[in-house]
Amino acid sequence: MSNLVPLNSPVLHRPASPIAEDEFGTKPLAAAIDQLGESFDVFFKAYKGVGLAAPQIGIPWRLAVAEDYGLRPTSPRWQHDLVRRPFARIIMCNPTIAWASDEQIFAWETCLSEADVVGLVERPREMQIEYRSSRGAAQSLVAQDWAARILSHEVDHLFGCLCSQRYLPGSSMATDQYTREWKDRPLSDALRAFRAG
């Protein structure tokens, strides 16, 4: 298990290195995947996290894990906008977004690497992600709603982009302020407030 690297670590702010063809199926890649999975297990239990990218624990490879069993309750106010369908663990090597829907949806977002801030992020409702397995086999999946948001967030990490860089201007705030003022309010209220600002 590895700790999260500090927010100012260069590895979080630059594109991760693609996994080369001759690295698939090797012991170093297997060890990195094990390390990522073990770390994710800890964060999953402690924070109900739904994804972890290798750079977040200091591994500079284009590698990420995601899993959502819906353990964090989703407020009924979101159900009209974003459906949450739990999915089993996915290990993605060299993931890329092959296609994204024109329809975009805002939602509040935070990150294990900067868990003290929350903001509104616009992401596609649906997307297709192409990636490689640990053995190098080509994989593809189509994700919608919360799953699409989770996977998009992790792919961003692999290109040096934190979700705070995507926050709707003016919507970034401390987690405790969000909990007090916005957590139980309709998303439409927040969009009116911050778009007007």
C-alpha atoms as a PDB file:
ATOM      1  CA  MET A   1       0.000   0.000   0.000  1.00  0.00           C
ATOM      2  CA  SER A   2       1.264   3.499  -0.857  1.00  0.00           C
ATOM      3  CA  ASN A   3       0.294   6.871   0.522  1.00  0.00           C
ATOM      4  CA  LEU A   4      -1.086   9.632  -1.655  1.00  0.00           C
ATOM      5  CA  VAL A   5       1.632  11.956  -2.880  1.00  0.00           C
ATOM      6  CA  PRO A   6       1.377  15.634  -1.861  1.00  0.00           C
ATOM      7  CA  LEU A   7      -0.693  17.912  -4.054  1.00  0.00           C
ATOM      8  CA  ASN A   8       2.397  19.824  -5.201  1.00  0.00           C
ATOM      9  CA  SER A   9       4.120  16.664  -6.494  1.00  0.00           C
ATOM     10  CA  PRO A  10       5.139  17.087 -10.151  1.00  0.00           C
ATOM     11  CA  VAL A  11       3.828  13.590 -10.970  1.00  0.00           C
ATOM     12  CA  LEU A  12       0.254  14.867 -10.457  1.00  0.00           C
ATOM     13  CA  HIS A  13       0.646  17.753 -12.864  1.00  0.00           C
ATOM     14  CA  ARG A  14       2.220  16.214 -15.939  1.00  0.00           C
ATOM     15  CA  PRO A  15       1.058  13.487 -18.332  1.00  0.00           C
ATOM     16  CA  ALA A  16       1.856   9.969 -17.158  1.00  0.00           C
ATOM     17  CA  SER A  17       4.100   7.759 -19.272  1.00  0.00           C
ATOM     18  CA  PRO A  18       2.276   5.315 -21.550  1.00  0.00           C
ATOM     19  CA  ILE A  19       2.906   1.651 -20.817  1.00  0.00           C
ATOM     20  CA  ALA A  20       5.105   0.353 -23.636  1.00  0.00           C
ATOM     21  CA  GLU A  21       4.282  -2.791 -25.598  1.00  0.00           C
ATOM     22  CA  ASP A  22       7.167  -4.730 -24.082  1.00  0.00           C
ATOM     23  CA  GLU A  23       6.046  -3.817 -20.536  1.00  0.00           C
ATOM     24  CA  PHE A  24       2.706  -5.633 -20.696  1.00  0.00           C
ATOM     25  CA  GLY A  25       2.720  -8.912 -18.820  1.00  0.00           C
ATOM     26  CA  THR A  26       5.961  -8.069 -16.995  1.00  0.00           C
ATOM     27  CA  LYS A  27       6.697  -8.287 -13.279  1.00  0.00           C
ATOM     28  CA  PRO A  28       7.205  -4.505 -12.867  1.00  0.00           C
ATOM     29  CA  LEU A  29       3.775  -3.788 -14.329  1.00  0.00           C
ATOM     30  CA  ALA A  30       2.184  -6.552 -12.256  1.00  0.00           C
ATOM     31  CA  ALA A  31       3.810  -5.081  -9.130  1.00  0.00           C
ATOM     32  CA  ALA A  32       2.534  -1.597  -9.987  1.00  0.00           C
ATOM     33  CA  ILE A  33      -0.998  -2.941 -10.501  1.00  0.00           C
ATOM     34  CA  ASP A  34      -0.830  -4.800  -7.169  1.00  0.00           C
ATOM     35  CA  GLN A  35       0.397  -1.658  -5.430  1.00  0.00           C
ATOM     36  CA  LEU A  36      -2.374   0.410  -6.998  1.00  0.00           C
ATOM     37  CA  GLY A  37      -5.018  -2.162  -6.063  1.00  0.00           C
ATOM     38  CA  GLU A  38      -3.825  -2.440  -2.460  1.00  0.00           C
ATOM     39  CA  SER A  39      -3.824   1.335  -2.069  1.00  0.00           C
ATOM     40  CA  PHE A  40      -7.260   1.595  -3.627  1.00  0.00           C
ATOM     41  CA  ASP A  41      -8.613  -1.021  -1.202  1.00  0.00           C
ATOM     42  CA  VAL A  42      -7.505   1.135   1.726  1.00  0.00           C
ATOM     43  CA  PHE A  43      -8.919   4.365   0.290  1.00  0.00           C
ATOM     44  CA  PHE A  44     -12.103   2.604  -0.827  1.00  0.00           C
ATOM     45  CA  LYS A  45     -12.804   1.481   2.747  1.00  0.00           C
ATOM     46  CA  ALA A  46     -11.665   4.679   4.444  1.00  0.00           C
ATOM     47  CA  TYR A  47     -13.220   7.253   2.127  1.00  0.00           C
ATOM     48  CA  LYS A  48     -15.579   5.270  -0.109  1.00  0.00           C
ATOM     49  CA  GLY A  49     -13.415   6.330  -3.025  1.00  0.00           C
ATOM     50  CA  VAL A  50     -14.372   5.121  -6.492  1.00  0.00           C
ATOM     51  CA  GLY A  51     -11.132   5.476  -8.423  1.00  0.00           C
ATOM     52  CA  LEU A  52      -7.384   5.880  -8.126  1.00  0.00           C
ATOM     53  CA  ALA A  53      -4.805   6.784 -10.747  1.00  0.00           C
ATOM     54  CA  ALA A  54      -1.217   5.570 -10.476  1.00  0.00           C
ATOM     55  CA  PRO A  55       0.272   9.106 -10.368  1.00  0.00           C
ATOM     56  CA  GLN A  56      -1.700   9.772  -7.170  1.00  0.00           C
ATOM     57  CA  ILE A  57       0.558   7.285  -5.380  1.00  0.00           C
ATOM     58  CA  GLY A  58       3.706   8.319  -7.231  1.00  0.00           C
ATOM     59  CA  ILE A  59       3.687   5.767 -10.056  1.00  0.00           C
ATOM     60  CA  PRO A  60       4.236   7.713 -13.298  1.00  0.00           C
ATOM     61  CA  TRP A  61       2.538   5.168 -15.573  1.00  0.00           C
ATOM     62  CA  ARG A  62      -0.733   5.634 -17.438  1.00  0.00           C
ATOM     63  CA  LEU A  63      -2.573   3.213 -15.175  1.00  0.00           C
ATOM     64  CA  ALA A  64      -5.792   3.545 -13.143  1.00  0.00           C
ATOM     65  CA  VAL A  65      -8.344   1.520 -11.207  1.00  0.00           C
ATOM     66  CA  ALA A  66     -12.050   2.258 -10.755  1.00  0.00           C
ATOM     67  CA  GLU A  67     -14.854   0.499  -8.928  1.00  0.00           C
ATOM     68  CA  ASP A  68     -18.252   1.604  -7.679  1.00  0.00           C
ATOM     69  CA  TYR A  69     -20.532  -0.546  -5.585  1.00  0.00           C
ATOM     70  CA  GLY A  70     -22.700   2.426  -4.676  1.00  0.00           C
ATOM     71  CA  LEU A  71     -21.583   2.401  -1.041  1.00  0.00           C
ATOM     72  CA  ARG A  72     -21.825   6.187  -0.838  1.00  0.00           C
ATOM     73  CA  PRO A  73     -25.544   7.049  -0.975  1.00  0.00           C
ATOM     74  CA  THR A  74     -26.548   9.223  -3.899  1.00  0.00           C
ATOM     75  CA  SER A  75     -29.066  11.862  -2.970  1.00  0.00           C
ATOM     76  CA  PRO A  76     -32.462  11.451  -4.681  1.00  0.00           C
ATOM     77  CA  ARG A  77     -32.018  14.954  -6.095  1.00  0.00           C
ATOM     78  CA  TRP A  78     -29.325  13.596  -8.441  1.00  0.00           C
ATOM     79  CA  GLN A  79     -31.350  10.744  -9.841  1.00  0.00           C
ATOM     80  CA  HIS A  80     -33.010  12.878 -12.502  1.00  0.00           C
ATOM     81  CA  ASP A  81     -29.617  14.023 -13.793  1.00  0.00           C
ATOM     82  CA  LEU A  82     -27.232  11.138 -13.161  1.00  0.00           C
ATOM     83  CA  VAL A  83     -28.075   7.466 -12.745  1.00  0.00           C
ATOM     84  CA  ARG A  84     -25.722   5.491 -10.522  1.00  0.00           C
ATOM     85  CA  ARG A  85     -25.188   1.929 -11.684  1.00  0.00           C
ATOM     86  CA  PRO A  86     -22.584   0.069  -9.605  1.00  0.00           C
ATOM     87  CA  PHE A  87     -19.766  -1.618 -11.513  1.00  0.00           C
ATOM     88  CA  ALA A  88     -17.009  -4.075 -10.606  1.00  0.00           C
ATOM     89  CA  ARG A  89     -13.333  -3.207 -10.500  1.00  0.00           C
ATOM     90  CA  ILE A  90     -11.694  -2.141 -13.756  1.00  0.00           C
ATOM     91  CA  ILE A  91      -7.920  -1.939 -14.224  1.00  0.00           C
ATOM     92  CA  MET A  92      -7.111   0.341 -17.145  1.00  0.00           C
ATOM     93  CA  CYS A  93      -3.731   0.572 -18.854  1.00  0.00           C
ATOM     94  CA  ASN A  94      -3.274   3.454 -21.313  1.00  0.00           C
ATOM     95  CA  PRO A  95      -6.959   4.467 -21.264  1.00  0.00           C
ATOM     96  CA  THR A  96      -8.220   7.055 -23.719  1.00  0.00           C
ATOM     97  CA  ILE A  97     -11.644   8.533 -24.349  1.00  0.00           C
ATOM     98  CA  ALA A  98     -12.525   7.392 -27.871  1.00  0.00           C
ATOM     99  CA  TRP A  99     -15.898   9.097 -28.011  1.00  0.00           C
ATOM    100  CA  ALA A 100     -17.966  11.372 -25.789  1.00  0.00           C
ATOM    101  CA  SER A 101     -21.564  12.484 -26.084  1.00  0.00           C
ATOM    102  CA  ASP A 102     -22.443  16.065 -26.913  1.00  0.00           C
ATOM    103  CA  GLU A 103     -24.678  16.104 -23.859  1.00  0.00           C
ATOM    104  CA  GLN A 104     -22.778  17.395 -20.842  1.00  0.00           C
ATOM    105  CA  ILE A 105     -23.856  17.239 -17.190  1.00  0.00           C
ATOM    106  CA  PHE A 106     -22.645  19.265 -14.214  1.00  0.00           C
ATOM    107  CA  ALA A 107     -22.151  17.636 -10.822  1.00  0.00           C
ATOM    108  CA  TRP A 108     -20.234  18.368  -7.638  1.00  0.00           C
ATOM    109  CA  GLU A 109     -16.830  16.718  -7.629  1.00  0.00           C
ATOM    110  CA  THR A 110     -13.869  16.279  -5.332  1.00  0.00           C
ATOM    111  CA  CYS A 111     -10.761  14.103  -5.333  1.00  0.00           C
ATOM    112  CA  LEU A 112      -8.705  12.028  -2.921  1.00  0.00           C
ATOM    113  CA  SER A 113      -5.705  14.191  -3.824  1.00  0.00           C
ATOM    114  CA  GLU A 114      -7.474  17.419  -2.867  1.00  0.00           C
ATOM    115  CA  ALA A 115     -10.259  16.229  -0.603  1.00  0.00           C
ATOM    116  CA  ASP A 116     -10.678  19.557   1.178  1.00  0.00           C
ATOM    117  CA  VAL A 117     -12.226  21.276  -1.852  1.00  0.00           C
ATOM    118  CA  VAL A 118     -15.374  20.663  -3.904  1.00  0.00           C
ATOM    119  CA  GLY A 119     -16.611  22.259  -7.103  1.00  0.00           C
ATOM    120  CA  LEU A 120     -18.934  21.843 -10.056  1.00  0.00           C
ATOM    121  CA  VAL A 121     -17.499  19.934 -13.025  1.00  0.00           C
ATOM    122  CA  GLU A 122     -19.097  19.460 -16.423  1.00  0.00           C
ATOM    123  CA  ARG A 123     -18.534  16.050 -18.019  1.00  0.00           C
ATOM    124  CA  PRO A 124     -20.129  14.018 -20.827  1.00  0.00           C
ATOM    125  CA  ARG A 125     -23.196  11.979 -19.949  1.00  0.00           C
ATOM    126  CA  GLU A 126     -21.882   9.064 -22.006  1.00  0.00           C
ATOM    127  CA  MET A 127     -18.483   8.039 -23.344  1.00  0.00           C
ATOM    128  CA  GLN A 128     -16.522   5.180 -24.812  1.00  0.00           C
ATOM    129  CA  ILE A 129     -13.174   4.363 -23.223  1.00  0.00           C
ATOM    130  CA  GLU A 130     -10.537   2.235 -24.900  1.00  0.00           C
ATOM    131  CA  TYR A 131      -7.745   0.739 -22.819  1.00  0.00           C
ATOM    132  CA  ARG A 132      -5.436  -2.260 -22.496  1.00  0.00           C
ATOM    133  CA  SER A 133      -5.513  -5.068 -19.947  1.00  0.00           C
ATOM    134  CA  SER A 134      -2.468  -5.899 -17.811  1.00  0.00           C
ATOM    135  CA  ARG A 135      -1.528  -8.415 -20.519  1.00  0.00           C
ATOM    136  CA  GLY A 136      -1.960  -5.878 -23.292  1.00  0.00           C
ATOM    137  CA  ALA A 137      -5.303  -7.053 -24.675  1.00  0.00           C
ATOM    138  CA  ALA A 138      -7.382  -4.283 -26.239  1.00  0.00           C
ATOM    139  CA  GLN A 139     -10.517  -3.450 -24.256  1.00  0.00           C
ATOM    140  CA  SER A 140     -13.414  -1.064 -24.795  1.00  0.00           C
ATOM    141  CA  LEU A 141     -16.408  -0.059 -22.739  1.00  0.00           C
ATOM    142  CA  VAL A 142     -19.250   2.438 -22.908  1.00  0.00           C
ATOM    143  CA  ALA A 143     -20.117   4.208 -19.662  1.00  0.00           C
ATOM    144  CA  GLN A 144     -23.008   6.475 -18.774  1.00  0.00           C
ATOM    145  CA  ASP A 145     -23.827   8.955 -16.017  1.00  0.00           C
ATOM    146  CA  TRP A 146     -21.863   8.367 -12.760  1.00  0.00           C
ATOM    147  CA  ALA A 147     -19.683   5.651 -14.296  1.00  0.00           C
ATOM    148  CA  ALA A 148     -18.740   7.974 -17.162  1.00  0.00           C
ATOM    149  CA  ARG A 149     -17.908  10.716 -14.652  1.00  0.00           C
ATOM    150  CA  ILE A 150     -15.728   8.410 -12.547  1.00  0.00           C
ATOM    151  CA  LEU A 151     -13.762   7.083 -15.528  1.00  0.00           C
ATOM    152  CA  SER A 152     -13.365  10.525 -17.077  1.00  0.00           C
ATOM    153  CA  HIS A 153     -11.989  11.812 -13.763  1.00  0.00           C
ATOM    154  CA  GLU A 154      -9.378   9.030 -13.671  1.00  0.00           C
ATOM    155  CA  VAL A 155      -8.350   9.533 -17.302  1.00  0.00           C
ATOM    156  CA  ASP A 156      -7.859  13.239 -16.527  1.00  0.00           C
ATOM    157  CA  HIS A 157      -5.379  12.295 -13.797  1.00  0.00           C
ATOM    158  CA  LEU A 158      -3.301  10.379 -16.322  1.00  0.00           C
ATOM    159  CA  PHE A 159      -2.922  13.519 -18.400  1.00  0.00           C
ATOM    160  CA  GLY A 160      -1.961  15.728 -15.452  1.00  0.00           C
ATOM    161  CA  CYS A 161      -5.367  17.323 -14.968  1.00  0.00           C
ATOM    162  CA  LEU A 162      -6.983  17.561 -11.521  1.00  0.00           C
ATOM    163  CA  CYS A 163     -10.727  18.040 -11.231  1.00  0.00           C
ATOM    164  CA  SER A 164     -10.186  21.447  -9.573  1.00  0.00           C
ATOM    165  CA  GLN A 165      -8.835  22.636 -12.934  1.00  0.00           C
ATOM    166  CA  ARG A 166     -12.267  21.928 -14.387  1.00  0.00           C
ATOM    167  CA  TYR A 167     -14.356  23.605 -11.686  1.00  0.00           C
ATOM    168  CA  LEU A 168     -16.999  26.023 -12.908  1.00  0.00           C
ATOM    169  CA  PRO A 169     -15.517  29.440 -12.081  1.00  0.00           C
ATOM    170  CA  GLY A 170     -16.626  30.568  -8.643  1.00  0.00           C
ATOM    171  CA  SER A 171     -17.938  27.149  -7.567  1.00  0.00           C
ATOM    172  CA  SER A 172     -14.808  25.945  -5.761  1.00  0.00           C
ATOM    173  CA  MET A 173     -15.245  25.846  -1.995  1.00  0.00           C
ATOM    174  CA  ALA A 174     -14.117  24.075   1.144  1.00  0.00           C
ATOM    175  CA  THR A 175     -15.754  20.701   1.754  1.00  0.00           C
ATOM    176  CA  ASP A 176     -17.353  21.872   5.006  1.00  0.00           C
ATOM    177  CA  GLN A 177     -18.895  24.892   3.260  1.00  0.00           C
ATOM    178  CA  TYR A 178     -20.324  22.625   0.568  1.00  0.00           C
ATOM    179  CA  THR A 179     -21.772  20.336   3.258  1.00  0.00           C
ATOM    180  CA  ARG A 180     -23.379  23.268   5.092  1.00  0.00           C
ATOM    181  CA  GLU A 181     -24.670  25.278   2.153  1.00  0.00           C
ATOM    182  CA  TRP A 182     -25.096  23.117  -0.940  1.00  0.00           C
ATOM    183  CA  LYS A 183     -25.106  19.390  -0.207  1.00  0.00           C
ATOM    184  CA  ASP A 184     -28.878  19.166   0.237  1.00  0.00           C
ATOM    185  CA  ARG A 185     -29.892  21.831  -2.265  1.00  0.00           C
ATOM    186  CA  PRO A 186     -30.931  21.178  -5.872  1.00  0.00           C
ATOM    187  CA  LEU A 187     -28.127  21.297  -8.391  1.00  0.00           C
ATOM    188  CA  SER A 188     -30.134  23.829 -10.386  1.00  0.00           C
ATOM    189  CA  ASP A 189     -29.792  26.304  -7.495  1.00  0.00           C
ATOM    190  CA  ALA A 190     -26.014  26.011  -7.575  1.00  0.00           C
ATOM    191  CA  LEU A 191     -25.845  26.380 -11.345  1.00  0.00           C
ATOM    192  CA  ARG A 192     -27.992  29.521 -11.242  1.00  0.00           C
ATOM    193  CA  ALA A 193     -25.868  30.981  -8.466  1.00  0.00           C
ATOM    194  CA  PHE A 194     -22.443  30.303  -9.960  1.00  0.00           C
ATOM    195  CA  ARG A 195     -23.303  30.910 -13.588  1.00  0.00           C
ATOM    196  CA  ALA A 196     -24.797  34.259 -12.608  1.00  0.00           C
ATOM    197  CA  GLY A 197     -21.645  35.102 -10.674  1.00  0.00           C
END
